[in-house]
Amino acid sequence: AKMTGALGEQLIRIRNMSAGGLMADCSRCPPVGEAVAIELSSQSIPGSVVWIRDGLIGVKFDQSVDLGELLA
């Protein structure tokens, strides 16, 4: 997926995802509280960083997403 935020755009590898957020590998992780957008399947999903740990990032989506529709 592609993540866009104040640090610009970067590719991330999603480790797991739910309707409310995701965990992903991140090389240049934005700080906790930073607003980001995740582009996946040509959709941009707004969210914010809620935690960072050992090169992993946790993002909470602003609204729940329909995973079936998103991944179809």
N, C-alpha and C. Protein backbone atom coordinates (compact mmCIF):
# COMPACT_ATOMS: atom_id res chain seq x y z
N ALA A 1 0.85 -1.18 0.00
CA ALA A 1 0.00 0.00 0.00
C ALA A 1 0.90 1.24 0.00
N LYS A 2 0.32 2.39 -0.26
CA LYS A 2 1.05 3.65 -0.22
C LYS A 2 0.49 4.49 0.92
N MET A 3 1.39 5.07 1.72
CA MET A 3 0.98 5.93 2.82
C MET A 3 1.46 7.34 2.51
N THR A 4 0.56 8.31 2.68
CA THR A 4 0.88 9.71 2.46
C THR A 4 0.64 10.49 3.75
N GLY A 5 1.58 11.33 4.08
CA GLY A 5 1.46 12.16 5.28
C GLY A 5 2.40 13.34 5.17
N ALA A 6 2.71 13.96 6.30
CA ALA A 6 3.58 15.13 6.31
C ALA A 6 5.00 14.81 5.82
N LEU A 7 5.42 13.55 5.95
CA LEU A 7 6.74 13.15 5.49
C LEU A 7 6.75 12.80 4.00
N GLY A 8 5.63 12.97 3.33
CA GLY A 8 5.52 12.63 1.90
C GLY A 8 4.91 11.25 1.70
N GLU A 9 5.17 10.68 0.54
CA GLU A 9 4.63 9.36 0.20
C GLU A 9 5.68 8.29 0.42
N GLN A 10 5.22 7.10 0.84
CA GLN A 10 6.10 5.95 0.95
C GLN A 10 5.29 4.68 0.83
N LEU A 11 5.95 3.63 0.38
CA LEU A 11 5.30 2.33 0.31
C LEU A 11 5.42 1.65 1.66
N ILE A 12 4.36 0.99 2.06
CA ILE A 12 4.36 0.23 3.31
C ILE A 12 3.87 -1.18 3.00
N ARG A 13 4.28 -2.13 3.83
CA ARG A 13 3.79 -3.50 3.68
C ARG A 13 2.84 -3.78 4.83
N ILE A 14 1.59 -4.02 4.50
CA ILE A 14 0.56 -4.27 5.51
C ILE A 14 0.75 -5.67 6.09
N ARG A 15 0.86 -5.74 7.41
CA ARG A 15 1.00 -7.02 8.12
C ARG A 15 -0.38 -7.60 8.47
N ASN A 16 -1.27 -6.73 8.96
CA ASN A 16 -2.66 -7.15 9.19
C ASN A 16 -3.55 -5.93 9.13
N MET A 17 -4.82 -6.21 8.85
CA MET A 17 -5.76 -5.11 8.64
C MET A 17 -7.14 -5.53 9.14
N SER A 18 -7.84 -4.57 9.72
CA SER A 18 -9.21 -4.81 10.15
C SER A 18 -10.05 -3.65 9.65
N ALA A 19 -11.32 -3.66 9.95
CA ALA A 19 -12.21 -2.58 9.52
C ALA A 19 -11.82 -1.25 10.15
N GLY A 20 -11.12 -1.30 11.29
CA GLY A 20 -10.80 -0.08 12.03
C GLY A 20 -9.39 0.44 11.87
N GLY A 21 -8.49 -0.37 11.26
CA GLY A 21 -7.12 0.10 11.13
C GLY A 21 -6.20 -0.98 10.60
N LEU A 22 -4.89 -0.71 10.69
CA LEU A 22 -3.92 -1.66 10.18
C LEU A 22 -2.60 -1.57 10.92
N MET A 23 -1.79 -2.61 10.74
CA MET A 23 -0.42 -2.62 11.21
C MET A 23 0.44 -2.88 9.99
N ALA A 24 1.54 -2.12 9.86
CA ALA A 24 2.37 -2.25 8.66
C ALA A 24 3.84 -1.98 8.97
N ASP A 25 4.71 -2.54 8.11
CA ASP A 25 6.13 -2.19 8.15
C ASP A 25 6.27 -0.77 7.61
N CYS A 26 7.15 0.00 8.21
CA CYS A 26 7.30 1.40 7.84
C CYS A 26 8.77 1.79 7.94
N SER A 27 9.34 2.35 6.88
CA SER A 27 10.75 2.75 6.92
C SER A 27 10.93 4.14 7.53
N ARG A 28 10.05 5.07 7.21
CA ARG A 28 10.10 6.44 7.77
C ARG A 28 8.76 6.70 8.45
N CYS A 29 8.65 6.25 9.66
CA CYS A 29 7.36 6.33 10.36
C CYS A 29 7.06 7.76 10.82
N PRO A 30 5.87 8.27 10.49
CA PRO A 30 5.46 9.58 11.02
C PRO A 30 5.19 9.47 12.51
N PRO A 31 5.21 10.58 13.24
CA PRO A 31 5.00 10.53 14.69
C PRO A 31 3.56 10.16 15.06
N VAL A 32 3.41 9.66 16.28
CA VAL A 32 2.09 9.33 16.81
C VAL A 32 1.22 10.58 16.77
N GLY A 33 -0.03 10.42 16.32
CA GLY A 33 -0.96 11.53 16.21
C GLY A 33 -1.01 12.14 14.82
N GLU A 34 -0.03 11.82 13.97
CA GLU A 34 0.05 12.36 12.62
C GLU A 34 -1.10 11.83 11.75
N ALA A 35 -1.73 12.73 11.00
CA ALA A 35 -2.77 12.32 10.04
C ALA A 35 -2.09 11.74 8.81
N VAL A 36 -2.59 10.59 8.34
CA VAL A 36 -2.05 9.93 7.15
C VAL A 36 -3.22 9.46 6.29
N ALA A 37 -2.91 9.13 5.05
CA ALA A 37 -3.89 8.51 4.16
C ALA A 37 -3.24 7.25 3.60
N ILE A 38 -3.98 6.16 3.60
CA ILE A 38 -3.51 4.88 3.08
C ILE A 38 -4.20 4.64 1.75
N GLU A 39 -3.43 4.48 0.69
CA GLU A 39 -4.00 4.20 -0.63
C GLU A 39 -3.89 2.70 -0.89
N LEU A 40 -5.05 2.10 -1.07
CA LEU A 40 -5.14 0.66 -1.28
C LEU A 40 -6.29 0.38 -2.23
N SER A 41 -6.04 -0.40 -3.25
CA SER A 41 -7.07 -0.72 -4.26
C SER A 41 -7.71 0.55 -4.82
N SER A 42 -6.90 1.53 -5.17
CA SER A 42 -7.31 2.83 -5.73
C SER A 42 -8.26 3.63 -4.84
N GLN A 43 -8.27 3.33 -3.55
CA GLN A 43 -9.05 4.12 -2.61
C GLN A 43 -8.11 4.74 -1.58
N SER A 44 -8.39 5.95 -1.17
CA SER A 44 -7.60 6.62 -0.14
C SER A 44 -8.38 6.57 1.17
N ILE A 45 -7.76 6.00 2.19
CA ILE A 45 -8.42 5.83 3.48
C ILE A 45 -7.72 6.74 4.50
N PRO A 46 -8.41 7.77 5.00
CA PRO A 46 -7.79 8.66 5.99
C PRO A 46 -7.72 8.00 7.37
N GLY A 47 -6.66 8.32 8.09
CA GLY A 47 -6.50 7.79 9.44
C GLY A 47 -5.44 8.56 10.19
N SER A 48 -5.01 8.01 11.32
CA SER A 48 -3.95 8.64 12.10
C SER A 48 -3.09 7.57 12.75
N VAL A 49 -1.84 7.92 12.98
CA VAL A 49 -0.88 7.01 13.61
C VAL A 49 -1.20 6.93 15.10
N VAL A 50 -1.35 5.71 15.61
CA VAL A 50 -1.66 5.53 17.03
C VAL A 50 -0.50 4.90 17.80
N TRP A 51 0.41 4.22 17.13
CA TRP A 51 1.61 3.68 17.79
C TRP A 51 2.69 3.39 16.77
N ILE A 52 3.94 3.36 17.26
CA ILE A 52 5.11 3.01 16.47
C ILE A 52 5.98 2.11 17.34
N ARG A 53 6.47 1.00 16.77
CA ARG A 53 7.31 0.08 17.55
C ARG A 53 8.17 -0.76 16.61
N ASP A 54 9.48 -0.67 16.74
CA ASP A 54 10.43 -1.52 16.02
C ASP A 54 10.17 -1.60 14.51
N GLY A 55 9.99 -0.45 13.85
CA GLY A 55 9.77 -0.44 12.41
C GLY A 55 8.36 -0.79 11.99
N LEU A 56 7.47 -0.94 12.95
CA LEU A 56 6.06 -1.20 12.66
C LEU A 56 5.25 0.04 13.04
N ILE A 57 4.14 0.21 12.37
CA ILE A 57 3.27 1.36 12.62
C ILE A 57 1.83 0.88 12.76
N GLY A 58 1.09 1.49 13.68
CA GLY A 58 -0.33 1.22 13.83
C GLY A 58 -1.12 2.44 13.38
N VAL A 59 -2.07 2.22 12.48
CA VAL A 59 -2.90 3.30 11.95
C VAL A 59 -4.36 3.00 12.26
N LYS A 60 -5.05 3.97 12.85
CA LYS A 60 -6.49 3.85 13.10
C LYS A 60 -7.20 4.66 12.02
N PHE A 61 -8.12 4.01 11.32
CA PHE A 61 -8.88 4.71 10.28
C PHE A 61 -9.87 5.68 10.91
N ASP A 62 -10.14 6.80 10.21
CA ASP A 62 -11.11 7.77 10.71
C ASP A 62 -12.51 7.19 10.75
N GLN A 63 -12.83 6.29 9.80
CA GLN A 63 -14.12 5.60 9.76
C GLN A 63 -13.86 4.14 9.42
N SER A 64 -14.73 3.26 9.88
CA SER A 64 -14.59 1.84 9.56
C SER A 64 -14.73 1.63 8.06
N VAL A 65 -13.93 0.68 7.53
CA VAL A 65 -14.01 0.37 6.10
C VAL A 65 -14.61 -1.02 5.90
N ASP A 66 -15.20 -1.23 4.75
CA ASP A 66 -15.76 -2.52 4.38
C ASP A 66 -14.64 -3.31 3.69
N LEU A 67 -14.04 -4.25 4.43
CA LEU A 67 -12.90 -5.00 3.89
C LEU A 67 -13.27 -5.82 2.67
N GLY A 68 -14.45 -6.39 2.66
CA GLY A 68 -14.89 -7.17 1.50
C GLY A 68 -14.92 -6.34 0.25
N GLU A 69 -15.46 -5.16 0.34
CA GLU A 69 -15.54 -4.26 -0.82
C GLU A 69 -14.16 -3.75 -1.20
N LEU A 70 -13.34 -3.42 -0.21
CA LEU A 70 -12.02 -2.88 -0.45
C LEU A 70 -11.10 -3.88 -1.15
N LEU A 71 -11.17 -5.14 -0.74
CA LEU A 71 -10.28 -6.14 -1.28
C LEU A 71 -10.85 -6.91 -2.46
N ALA A 72 -12.07 -6.58 -2.86
CA ALA A 72 -12.69 -7.29 -3.99
C ALA A 72 -12.03 -6.93 -5.30
